[in-house]
Amino acid sequence: MTLHPGVLLRGLFTGFVLQLGLVLISAAWSGASMAEKLVDPNTVAPEYRAAAEKRRAEQIKLFQCSKKADEAKVTRRDRGAYINECLDK
């Protein structure tokens, strides 16, 4: 029985590429599902409704500030500062 290093190396490389692909797909998939949805105050218990309304207002303001940053074509480096300044207004 002879050992062919080229065949062994090709098999290892193929396995590595397949595993890397699975990791990348799962990371993209989990990132998309982790997107924060707007809070609906009507679906929470009555004692938490005021907090839910406040959180929804914060989410809407954050969304508007993010949209303004997109329209202003703010760089990724400066985006956090821009959004924080917008939220403070």
PDB file of N, CA and C in Angstrom:
ATOM      1  N   MET A   1       0.848  -1.168   0.000  1.00  0.00           N
ATOM      2  CA  MET A   1       0.000   0.000   0.000  1.00  0.00           C
ATOM      3  C   MET A   1       0.897   1.235   0.000  1.00  0.00           C
ATOM      4  N   THR A   2       0.684   2.095  -0.972  1.00  0.00           N
ATOM      5  CA  THR A   2       1.489   3.314  -1.068  1.00  0.00           C
ATOM      6  C   THR A   2       0.660   4.520  -0.639  1.00  0.00           C
ATOM      7  N   LEU A   3       1.332   5.452  -0.062  1.00  0.00           N
ATOM      8  CA  LEU A   3       0.678   6.663   0.411  1.00  0.00           C
ATOM      9  C   LEU A   3       0.951   7.779  -0.583  1.00  0.00           C
ATOM     10  N   HIS A   4      -0.120   8.408  -1.057  1.00  0.00           N
ATOM     11  CA  HIS A   4       0.012   9.508  -2.005  1.00  0.00           C
ATOM     12  C   HIS A   4      -0.297  10.814  -1.279  1.00  0.00           C
ATOM     13  N   PRO A   5       0.741  11.604  -1.008  1.00  0.00           N
ATOM     14  CA  PRO A   5       0.524  12.834  -0.243  1.00  0.00           C
ATOM     15  C   PRO A   5      -0.383  13.826  -0.971  1.00  0.00           C
ATOM     16  N   GLY A   6      -0.369  13.846  -2.285  1.00  0.00           N
ATOM     17  CA  GLY A   6      -1.208  14.777  -3.036  1.00  0.00           C
ATOM     18  C   GLY A   6      -2.684  14.484  -2.833  1.00  0.00           C
ATOM     19  N   VAL A   7      -3.046  13.209  -2.829  1.00  0.00           N
ATOM     20  CA  VAL A   7      -4.441  12.809  -2.642  1.00  0.00           C
ATOM     21  C   VAL A   7      -4.875  13.121  -1.218  1.00  0.00           C
ATOM     22  N   LEU A   8      -4.028  12.839  -0.256  1.00  0.00           N
ATOM     23  CA  LEU A   8      -4.331  13.120   1.142  1.00  0.00           C
ATOM     24  C   LEU A   8      -4.502  14.624   1.363  1.00  0.00           C
ATOM     25  N   LEU A   9      -3.610  15.413   0.800  1.00  0.00           N
ATOM     26  CA  LEU A   9      -3.675  16.862   0.941  1.00  0.00           C
ATOM     27  C   LEU A   9      -4.935  17.421   0.285  1.00  0.00           C
ATOM     28  N   ARG A  10      -5.298  16.913  -0.878  1.00  0.00           N
ATOM     29  CA  ARG A  10      -6.506  17.365  -1.571  1.00  0.00           C
ATOM     30  C   ARG A  10      -7.749  17.047  -0.747  1.00  0.00           C
ATOM     31  N   GLY A  11      -7.786  15.886  -0.130  1.00  0.00           N
ATOM     32  CA  GLY A  11      -8.922  15.507   0.716  1.00  0.00           C
ATOM     33  C   GLY A  11      -9.035  16.398   1.943  1.00  0.00           C
ATOM     34  N   LEU A  12      -7.902  16.707   2.574  1.00  0.00           N
ATOM     35  CA  LEU A  12      -7.910  17.608   3.731  1.00  0.00           C
ATOM     36  C   LEU A  12      -8.361  19.008   3.340  1.00  0.00           C
ATOM     37  N   PHE A  13      -7.869  19.486   2.200  1.00  0.00           N
ATOM     38  CA  PHE A  13      -8.242  20.820   1.736  1.00  0.00           C
ATOM     39  C   PHE A  13      -9.732  20.893   1.419  1.00  0.00           C
ATOM     40  N   THR A  14     -10.265  19.865   0.779  1.00  0.00           N
ATOM     41  CA  THR A  14     -11.695  19.831   0.452  1.00  0.00           C
ATOM     42  C   THR A  14     -12.525  19.833   1.731  1.00  0.00           C
ATOM     43  N   GLY A  15     -12.129  19.061   2.708  1.00  0.00           N
ATOM     44  CA  GLY A  15     -12.838  19.032   3.986  1.00  0.00           C
ATOM     45  C   GLY A  15     -12.794  20.375   4.673  1.00  0.00           C
ATOM     46  N   PHE A  16     -11.642  21.042   4.623  1.00  0.00           N
ATOM     47  CA  PHE A  16     -11.507  22.356   5.231  1.00  0.00           C
ATOM     48  C   PHE A  16     -12.415  23.376   4.543  1.00  0.00           C
ATOM     49  N   VAL A  17     -12.455  23.346   3.235  1.00  0.00           N
ATOM     50  CA  VAL A  17     -13.295  24.286   2.486  1.00  0.00           C
ATOM     51  C   VAL A  17     -14.769  24.053   2.807  1.00  0.00           C
ATOM     52  N   LEU A  18     -15.180  22.813   2.897  1.00  0.00           N
ATOM     53  CA  LEU A  18     -16.580  22.516   3.221  1.00  0.00           C
ATOM     54  C   LEU A  18     -16.930  22.993   4.631  1.00  0.00           C
ATOM     55  N   GLN A  19     -16.052  22.751   5.586  1.00  0.00           N
ATOM     56  CA  GLN A  19     -16.305  23.199   6.958  1.00  0.00           C
ATOM     57  C   GLN A  19     -16.339  24.720   7.048  1.00  0.00           C
ATOM     58  N   LEU A  20     -15.434  25.382   6.353  1.00  0.00           N
ATOM     59  CA  LEU A  20     -15.411  26.838   6.345  1.00  0.00           C
ATOM     60  C   LEU A  20     -16.694  27.395   5.735  1.00  0.00           C
ATOM     61  N   GLY A  21     -17.154  26.773   4.666  1.00  0.00           N
ATOM     62  CA  GLY A  21     -18.407  27.200   4.045  1.00  0.00           C
ATOM     63  C   GLY A  21     -19.584  27.061   4.988  1.00  0.00           C
ATOM     64  N   LEU A  22     -19.646  25.960   5.713  1.00  0.00           N
ATOM     65  CA  LEU A  22     -20.729  25.760   6.670  1.00  0.00           C
ATOM     66  C   LEU A  22     -20.695  26.791   7.790  1.00  0.00           C
ATOM     67  N   VAL A  23     -19.503  27.113   8.261  1.00  0.00           N
ATOM     68  CA  VAL A  23     -19.372  28.121   9.324  1.00  0.00           C
ATOM     69  C   VAL A  23     -19.824  29.482   8.815  1.00  0.00           C
ATOM     70  N   LEU A  24     -19.420  29.848   7.621  1.00  0.00           N
ATOM     71  CA  LEU A  24     -19.805  31.146   7.067  1.00  0.00           C
ATOM     72  C   LEU A  24     -21.303  31.231   6.827  1.00  0.00           C
ATOM     73  N   ILE A  25     -21.897  30.166   6.335  1.00  0.00           N
ATOM     74  CA  ILE A  25     -23.342  30.158   6.098  1.00  0.00           C
ATOM     75  C   ILE A  25     -24.094  30.261   7.415  1.00  0.00           C
ATOM     76  N   SER A  26     -23.666  29.528   8.413  1.00  0.00           N
ATOM     77  CA  SER A  26     -24.363  29.591   9.701  1.00  0.00           C
ATOM     78  C   SER A  26     -24.193  30.954  10.355  1.00  0.00           C
ATOM     79  N   ALA A  27     -23.037  31.592  10.187  1.00  0.00           N
ATOM     80  CA  ALA A  27     -22.823  32.924  10.756  1.00  0.00           C
ATOM     81  C   ALA A  27     -23.719  33.951  10.070  1.00  0.00           C
ATOM     82  N   ALA A  28     -23.842  33.864   8.760  1.00  0.00           N
ATOM     83  CA  ALA A  28     -24.700  34.798   8.038  1.00  0.00           C
ATOM     84  C   ALA A  28     -26.160  34.558   8.395  1.00  0.00           C
ATOM     85  N   TRP A  29     -26.515  33.315   8.558  1.00  0.00           N
ATOM     86  CA  TRP A  29     -27.891  32.961   8.862  1.00  0.00           C
ATOM     87  C   TRP A  29     -28.288  33.445  10.258  1.00  0.00           C
ATOM     88  N   SER A  30     -27.411  33.269  11.223  1.00  0.00           N
ATOM     89  CA  SER A  30     -27.726  33.699  12.587  1.00  0.00           C
ATOM     90  C   SER A  30     -27.710  35.217  12.682  1.00  0.00           C
ATOM     91  N   GLY A  31     -26.865  35.885  11.935  1.00  0.00           N
ATOM     92  CA  GLY A  31     -26.832  37.341  11.945  1.00  0.00           C
ATOM     93  C   GLY A  31     -28.106  37.943  11.396  1.00  0.00           C
ATOM     94  N   ALA A  32     -28.667  37.320  10.376  1.00  0.00           N
ATOM     95  CA  ALA A  32     -29.908  37.831   9.801  1.00  0.00           C
ATOM     96  C   ALA A  32     -31.074  37.622  10.748  1.00  0.00           C
ATOM     97  N   SER A  33     -31.067  36.544  11.490  1.00  0.00           N
ATOM     98  CA  SER A  33     -32.182  36.283  12.388  1.00  0.00           C
ATOM     99  C   SER A  33     -32.070  37.073  13.681  1.00  0.00           C
ATOM    100  N   MET A  34     -30.906  37.669  13.944  1.00  0.00           N
ATOM    101  CA  MET A  34     -30.715  38.417  15.176  1.00  0.00           C
ATOM    102  C   MET A  34     -31.095  39.889  15.022  1.00  0.00           C
ATOM    103  N   ALA A  35     -31.570  40.268  13.843  1.00  0.00           N
ATOM    104  CA  ALA A  35     -31.967  41.655  13.642  1.00  0.00           C
ATOM    105  C   ALA A  35     -33.098  42.003  14.597  1.00  0.00           C
ATOM    106  N   GLU A  36     -32.973  43.151  15.224  1.00  0.00           N
ATOM    107  CA  GLU A  36     -33.941  43.547  16.232  1.00  0.00           C
ATOM    108  C   GLU A  36     -35.212  44.061  15.563  1.00  0.00           C
ATOM    109  N   LYS A  37     -36.346  43.544  15.988  1.00  0.00           N
ATOM    110  CA  LYS A  37     -37.622  43.949  15.436  1.00  0.00           C
ATOM    111  C   LYS A  37     -38.233  45.019  16.322  1.00  0.00           C
ATOM    112  N   LEU A  38     -39.113  45.819  15.732  1.00  0.00           N
ATOM    113  CA  LEU A  38     -39.787  46.847  16.513  1.00  0.00           C
ATOM    114  C   LEU A  38     -40.687  46.211  17.555  1.00  0.00           C
ATOM    115  N   VAL A  39     -40.659  46.774  18.744  1.00  0.00           N
ATOM    116  CA  VAL A  39     -41.492  46.285  19.835  1.00  0.00           C
ATOM    117  C   VAL A  39     -42.934  46.704  19.565  1.00  0.00           C
ATOM    118  N   ASP A  40     -43.842  45.782  19.739  1.00  0.00           N
ATOM    119  CA  ASP A  40     -45.266  46.093  19.599  1.00  0.00           C
ATOM    120  C   ASP A  40     -45.869  46.155  20.998  1.00  0.00           C
ATOM    121  N   PRO A  41     -46.217  47.362  21.480  1.00  0.00           N
ATOM    122  CA  PRO A  41     -46.741  47.491  22.842  1.00  0.00           C
ATOM    123  C   PRO A  41     -48.052  46.742  23.060  1.00  0.00           C
ATOM    124  N   ASN A  42     -48.775  46.442  22.010  1.00  0.00           N
ATOM    125  CA  ASN A  42     -50.055  45.744  22.149  1.00  0.00           C
ATOM    126  C   ASN A  42     -49.890  44.256  22.448  1.00  0.00           C
ATOM    127  N   THR A  43     -48.686  43.721  22.226  1.00  0.00           N
ATOM    128  CA  THR A  43     -48.480  42.290  22.432  1.00  0.00           C
ATOM    129  C   THR A  43     -47.840  41.962  23.780  1.00  0.00           C
ATOM    130  N   VAL A  44     -47.516  42.971  24.576  1.00  0.00           N
ATOM    131  CA  VAL A  44     -46.902  42.715  25.883  1.00  0.00           C
ATOM    132  C   VAL A  44     -47.952  42.818  26.981  1.00  0.00           C
ATOM    133  N   ALA A  45     -47.606  42.335  28.141  1.00  0.00           N
ATOM    134  CA  ALA A  45     -48.520  42.388  29.280  1.00  0.00           C
ATOM    135  C   ALA A  45     -48.784  43.852  29.643  1.00  0.00           C
ATOM    136  N   PRO A  46     -49.975  44.146  30.163  1.00  0.00           N
ATOM    137  CA  PRO A  46     -50.335  45.541  30.476  1.00  0.00           C
ATOM    138  C   PRO A  46     -49.350  46.252  31.403  1.00  0.00           C
ATOM    139  N   GLU A  47     -48.761  45.534  32.349  1.00  0.00           N
ATOM    140  CA  GLU A  47     -47.836  46.199  33.272  1.00  0.00           C
ATOM    141  C   GLU A  47     -46.522  46.605  32.601  1.00  0.00           C
ATOM    142  N   TYR A  48     -46.224  46.053  31.435  1.00  0.00           N
ATOM    143  CA  TYR A  48     -45.001  46.400  30.710  1.00  0.00           C
ATOM    144  C   TYR A  48     -45.267  47.278  29.497  1.00  0.00           C
ATOM    145  N   ARG A  49     -46.514  47.672  29.300  1.00  0.00           N
ATOM    146  CA  ARG A  49     -46.881  48.423  28.096  1.00  0.00           C
ATOM    147  C   ARG A  49     -46.165  49.772  28.026  1.00  0.00           C
ATOM    148  N   ALA A  50     -46.059  50.495  29.131  1.00  0.00           N
ATOM    149  CA  ALA A  50     -45.396  51.807  29.119  1.00  0.00           C
ATOM    150  C   ALA A  50     -43.921  51.656  28.720  1.00  0.00           C
ATOM    151  N   ALA A  51     -43.258  50.650  29.252  1.00  0.00           N
ATOM    152  CA  ALA A  51     -41.858  50.413  28.904  1.00  0.00           C
ATOM    153  C   ALA A  51     -41.728  50.025  27.429  1.00  0.00           C
ATOM    154  N   ALA A  52     -42.679  49.237  26.941  1.00  0.00           N
ATOM    155  CA  ALA A  52     -42.650  48.824  25.538  1.00  0.00           C
ATOM    156  C   ALA A  52     -42.855  50.022  24.615  1.00  0.00           C
ATOM    157  N   GLU A  53     -43.748  50.933  24.993  1.00  0.00           N
ATOM    158  CA  GLU A  53     -43.978  52.133  24.193  1.00  0.00           C
ATOM    159  C   GLU A  53     -42.721  53.010  24.166  1.00  0.00           C
ATOM    160  N   LYS A  54     -42.063  53.122  25.310  1.00  0.00           N
ATOM    161  CA  LYS A  54     -40.832  53.906  25.383  1.00  0.00           C
ATOM    162  C   LYS A  54     -39.744  53.277  24.516  1.00  0.00           C
ATOM    163  N   ARG A  55     -39.601  51.951  24.587  1.00  0.00           N
ATOM    164  CA  ARG A  55     -38.591  51.252  23.783  1.00  0.00           C
ATOM    165  C   ARG A  55     -38.882  51.397  22.297  1.00  0.00           C
ATOM    166  N   ARG A  56     -40.157  51.317  21.920  1.00  0.00           N
ATOM    167  CA  ARG A  56     -40.518  51.466  20.504  1.00  0.00           C
ATOM    168  C   ARG A  56     -40.143  52.864  20.007  1.00  0.00           C
ATOM    169  N   ALA A  57     -40.395  53.891  20.835  1.00  0.00           N
ATOM    170  CA  ALA A  57     -40.028  55.255  20.450  1.00  0.00           C
ATOM    171  C   ALA A  57     -38.509  55.368  20.259  1.00  0.00           C
ATOM    172  N   GLU A  58     -37.738  54.725  21.138  1.00  0.00           N
ATOM    173  CA  GLU A  58     -36.273  54.733  21.003  1.00  0.00           C
ATOM    174  C   GLU A  58     -35.845  54.029  19.719  1.00  0.00           C
ATOM    175  N   GLN A  59     -36.490  52.904  19.426  1.00  0.00           N
ATOM    176  CA  GLN A  59     -36.145  52.151  18.223  1.00  0.00           C
ATOM    177  C   GLN A  59     -36.441  52.960  16.966  1.00  0.00           C
ATOM    178  N   ILE A  60     -37.581  53.651  16.957  1.00  0.00           N
ATOM    179  CA  ILE A  60     -37.948  54.449  15.783  1.00  0.00           C
ATOM    180  C   ILE A  60     -36.962  55.593  15.602  1.00  0.00           C
ATOM    181  N   LYS A  61     -36.588  56.250  16.701  1.00  0.00           N
ATOM    182  CA  LYS A  61     -35.618  57.349  16.620  1.00  0.00           C
ATOM    183  C   LYS A  61     -34.262  56.840  16.122  1.00  0.00           C
ATOM    184  N   LEU A  62     -33.843  55.683  16.619  1.00  0.00           N
ATOM    185  CA  LEU A  62     -32.580  55.090  16.177  1.00  0.00           C
ATOM    186  C   LEU A  62     -32.637  54.752  14.685  1.00  0.00           C
ATOM    187  N   PHE A  63     -33.762  54.204  14.241  1.00  0.00           N
ATOM    188  CA  PHE A  63     -33.927  53.880  12.826  1.00  0.00           C
ATOM    189  C   PHE A  63     -33.852  55.143  11.973  1.00  0.00           C
ATOM    190  N   GLN A  64     -34.502  56.217  12.422  1.00  0.00           N
ATOM    191  CA  GLN A  64     -34.475  57.473  11.676  1.00  0.00           C
ATOM    192  C   GLN A  64     -33.062  58.049  11.616  1.00  0.00           C
ATOM    193  N   CYS A  65     -32.338  57.988  12.728  1.00  0.00           N
ATOM    194  CA  CYS A  65     -30.963  58.493  12.740  1.00  0.00           C
ATOM    195  C   CYS A  65     -30.059  57.646  11.839  1.00  0.00           C
ATOM    196  N   SER A  66     -30.280  56.345  11.814  1.00  0.00           N
ATOM    197  CA  SER A  66     -29.500  55.469  10.925  1.00  0.00           C
ATOM    198  C   SER A  66     -29.794  55.793   9.468  1.00  0.00           C
ATOM    199  N   LYS A  67     -31.044  56.077   9.188  1.00  0.00           N
ATOM    200  CA  LYS A  67     -31.434  56.434   7.820  1.00  0.00           C
ATOM    201  C   LYS A  67     -30.785  57.753   7.413  1.00  0.00           C
ATOM    202  N   LYS A  68     -30.750  58.730   8.340  1.00  0.00           N
ATOM    203  CA  LYS A  68     -30.092  60.009   8.062  1.00  0.00           C
ATOM    204  C   LYS A  68     -28.602  59.793   7.803  1.00  0.00           C
ATOM    205  N   ALA A  69     -27.987  58.910   8.570  1.00  0.00           N
ATOM    206  CA  ALA A  69     -26.561  58.616   8.370  1.00  0.00           C
ATOM    207  C   ALA A  69     -26.328  57.991   7.006  1.00  0.00           C
ATOM    208  N   ASP A  70     -27.240  57.122   6.578  1.00  0.00           N
ATOM    209  CA  ASP A  70     -27.120  56.518   5.251  1.00  0.00           C
ATOM    210  C   ASP A  70     -27.250  57.578   4.160  1.00  0.00           C
ATOM    211  N   GLU A  71     -28.239  58.483   4.331  1.00  0.00           N
ATOM    212  CA  GLU A  71     -28.459  59.529   3.330  1.00  0.00           C
ATOM    213  C   GLU A  71     -27.290  60.501   3.269  1.00  0.00           C
ATOM    214  N   ALA A  72     -26.666  60.757   4.430  1.00  0.00           N
ATOM    215  CA  ALA A  72     -25.516  61.662   4.485  1.00  0.00           C
ATOM    216  C   ALA A  72     -24.226  60.961   4.068  1.00  0.00           C
ATOM    217  N   LYS A  73     -24.297  59.660   3.826  1.00  0.00           N
ATOM    218  CA  LYS A  73     -23.144  58.854   3.412  1.00  0.00           C
ATOM    219  C   LYS A  73     -21.986  58.973   4.409  1.00  0.00           C
ATOM    220  N   VAL A  74     -22.329  58.804   5.686  1.00  0.00           N
ATOM    221  CA  VAL A  74     -21.346  58.855   6.755  1.00  0.00           C
ATOM    222  C   VAL A  74     -20.512  57.572   6.696  1.00  0.00           C
ATOM    223  N   THR A  75     -19.208  57.708   6.877  1.00  0.00           N
ATOM    224  CA  THR A  75     -18.338  56.531   6.842  1.00  0.00           C
ATOM    225  C   THR A  75     -18.601  55.648   8.055  1.00  0.00           C
ATOM    226  N   ARG A  76     -18.233  54.387   7.945  1.00  0.00           N
ATOM    227  CA  ARG A  76     -18.455  53.438   9.041  1.00  0.00           C
ATOM    228  C   ARG A  76     -17.737  53.878  10.306  1.00  0.00           C
ATOM    229  N   ARG A  77     -16.583  54.465  10.126  1.00  0.00           N
ATOM    230  CA  ARG A  77     -15.785  54.910  11.271  1.00  0.00           C
ATOM    231  C   ARG A  77     -16.512  56.005  12.054  1.00  0.00           C
ATOM    232  N   ASP A  78     -17.194  56.896  11.362  1.00  0.00           N
ATOM    233  CA  ASP A  78     -17.847  58.035  11.998  1.00  0.00           C
ATOM    234  C   ASP A  78     -19.329  57.805  12.271  1.00  0.00           C
ATOM    235  N   ARG A  79     -19.844  56.668  11.874  1.00  0.00           N
ATOM    236  CA  ARG A  79     -21.283  56.408  11.974  1.00  0.00           C
ATOM    237  C   ARG A  79     -21.784  56.404  13.419  1.00  0.00           C
ATOM    238  N   GLY A  80     -21.059  55.787  14.320  1.00  0.00           N
ATOM    239  CA  GLY A  80     -21.478  55.726  15.718  1.00  0.00           C
ATOM    240  C   GLY A  80     -21.597  57.109  16.342  1.00  0.00           C
ATOM    241  N   ALA A  81     -20.593  57.953  16.102  1.00  0.00           N
ATOM    242  CA  ALA A  81     -20.623  59.308  16.644  1.00  0.00           C
ATOM    243  C   ALA A  81     -21.769  60.108  16.031  1.00  0.00           C
ATOM    244  N   TYR A  82     -21.994  59.927  14.740  1.00  0.00           N
ATOM    245  CA  TYR A  82     -23.077  60.641  14.052  1.00  0.00           C
ATOM    246  C   TYR A  82     -24.435  60.248  14.624  1.00  0.00           C
ATOM    247  N   ILE A  83     -24.641  58.964  14.809  1.00  0.00           N
ATOM    248  CA  ILE A  83     -25.928  58.485  15.329  1.00  0.00           C
ATOM    249  C   ILE A  83     -26.118  58.926  16.776  1.00  0.00           C
ATOM    250  N   ASN A  84     -25.074  58.856  17.597  1.00  0.00           N
ATOM    251  CA  ASN A  84     -25.179  59.318  18.980  1.00  0.00           C
ATOM    252  C   ASN A  84     -25.518  60.797  19.051  1.00  0.00           C
ATOM    253  N   GLU A  85     -24.898  61.587  18.186  1.00  0.00           N
ATOM    254  CA  GLU A  85     -25.199  63.019  18.157  1.00  0.00           C
ATOM    255  C   GLU A  85     -26.641  63.251  17.713  1.00  0.00           C
ATOM    256  N   CYS A  86     -27.096  62.490  16.751  1.00  0.00           N
ATOM    257  CA  CYS A  86     -28.486  62.605  16.288  1.00  0.00           C
ATOM    258  C   CYS A  86     -29.461  62.214  17.401  1.00  0.00           C
ATOM    259  N   LEU A  87     -29.147  61.191  18.160  1.00  0.00           N
ATOM    260  CA  LEU A  87     -30.040  60.754  19.236  1.00  0.00           C
ATOM    261  C   LEU A  87     -30.100  61.764  20.373  1.00  0.00           C
ATOM    262  N   ASP A  88     -29.009  62.509  20.588  1.00  0.00           N
ATOM    263  CA  ASP A  88     -28.975  63.504  21.656  1.00  0.00           C
ATOM    264  C   ASP A  88     -29.827  64.728  21.350  1.00  0.00           C
ATOM    265  N   LYS A  89     -30.108  64.944  20.069  1.00  0.00           N
ATOM    266  CA  LYS A  89     -30.903  66.122  19.689  1.00  0.00           C
ATOM    267  C   LYS A  89     -32.339  65.982  20.081  1.00  0.00           C
TER     268      LYS A  89
END
